[in-house]
Amino acid sequence: MNALLVSALWGVIMMFSGIAIKRAATIRTIALIGIAILLGLNLAELQGWQLVSIDTTGMLQFETYSLLFNTIILAAVLCYVMISGSAMEKIGNNLSDYLALLFFIICGMLMVSAFESLLMLFLGIEIITIPLYILTGSDKKNLKSNEASLKYFLLGAFSSGILLMGIALVYGARGSFALTSVADSIRLSSSLLVSGMLLLMIAMAFKVSAAPFHFWTPDVYDGAPTVFTSFMATVVKVAVFAAFVRLFDRSFALQLSTWQWWVAVLAALTMLVGNVTAVFQQSVKRMLSYSSIAQAGFMLLAVYAMNTAAKEGLLLYAAAYSLATIGIFAVLTRMKDYSFEAFNGMAGRYPWVAAALAIFFLSLAGIPLTGGFLAKFYMIKAALGMSLWLALFALIMAAVSVYYYFRVIQAMYFKPVTQPEPLVFDNLFTAQLLVMALSVVVLGLFPEWLIGLLYF
């Protein structure tokens, strides 16, 4: 709760910092200090210490799981700003405004991981998405950015309407917005309640870009400035997945048989569409857009299974996926050409950057000794106890993903240089990239360091 309050306050501080401070490096430092404070407050609350105790009257509840998820989110945001913050300066002269919006999004993400009322879910989702509409269209001189922002706004507003309608139907059926009240009386099923539940599922599926509600994702991710695509495709996505799991676990767990097969279809279709379409992409940035859809399919297995392995796996998935994708996009922000050919011979010119990228792509593909492997293992293990066909299908889709991820690795290590213009990777950037890559490997070797915190 303390981190949520301070994130909103720090967003206001960032807004006014742009008036008094002109140096971009100083503004970034203020933002990093703010994120570090949020992370510290969240860790302190995880240990049972609170700066200020506030009675939310049952609207929010920060228990161990939500606090641990928030810790992963804040750590990922810290890595993101450290390694990609300088790229925001290239978008325009509004760095303080971009970072202020970032803190408001953090406020929404912390809210949706701990909501106990459907109203707080709606508010949290809107606090996340409205600043994202602005960040998507922040490159005013780029028509693709403007088009992406408009498309995201129109479809996002439409999905928010569906979410609100679902909440209204659930309230009409049960007379309460509280998750516990809905769950206590859920055994008395009604068509009104089931309709509301399905509308909530559709709205959340849109927010996490699950097929067939994914059509906005490639165009928005491709049109948005790369530095903000990195944020949307990683931290925001996993935060909304935390909300997705919390919603169905706390409200609709007793009607599992009613909605579980719908989620199974969503997960299978999302993995199929994301992986198969990614195979045919010629741009690494657009490939990563479809890859994020495929990864969403794997994370949907946590919603489908709704067991201990699923919840543990989602924590591991959030950490490994966020670190790997933020690292890859950080490299893309320093490149002008996003084609696969632009990576040709990178290992010869920039061996340490190529090594870090290789680890990131291996993790996304689910290769052993990386965090991504164990994340997918937990998800498939969670689904295996309930559906053999879905677990086998997920394995096949994981094998398909190896093809397009290894295309980049092949280009870096086995093809001659075709781009005469050298890239600029300073020592600090390379060191940060390597630390993130090492973290992905550590997650793969010692997952208990993260998962064990749930039972500490």
Foldseek 3Di string as FASTA:
>chain_A
DQLLVLLLVLLVVLQCCVVVDQDLVVSLVSLLVSLVVSLVQLVCVLVPDHPDDDDPVQFWDDDNLLSLLLNLLSVLVSLLCQLQVVLVVVLDRPSSNLSSLVSQLSSLLSQLLTGQFLVSVLVSVCSNQVSLLCQQLSNVVAVLSVVLSVLSVVLLVVLSVLLVQLQVLLCVVQVGRGQQSLQVPVVPPDPSNLSSVVSNVVSLCLQLLFPPNNVSQLSSLVSGQLSSSLVSLASSNLSSLSSLQCNCLRRPPVVLVSCLVVLLVRLLRQLVQLLVVLLPDFFQSSSVSSLSSNLSSLLSLLSNLVDPLSSLLSSLSNNLLSLLSSLVSSVVSQDPGRGLLQLAQQCVVPVLSLVLNLLSLCLSLLHALFSNVVSSVSSLVSCCVPDVVSSVSNVVSSVSSCNSSVSSNCRRPPGHRDDPDDTDDDPVSSVSSNVSSVVRSCCRVCVCVSSVSSVD
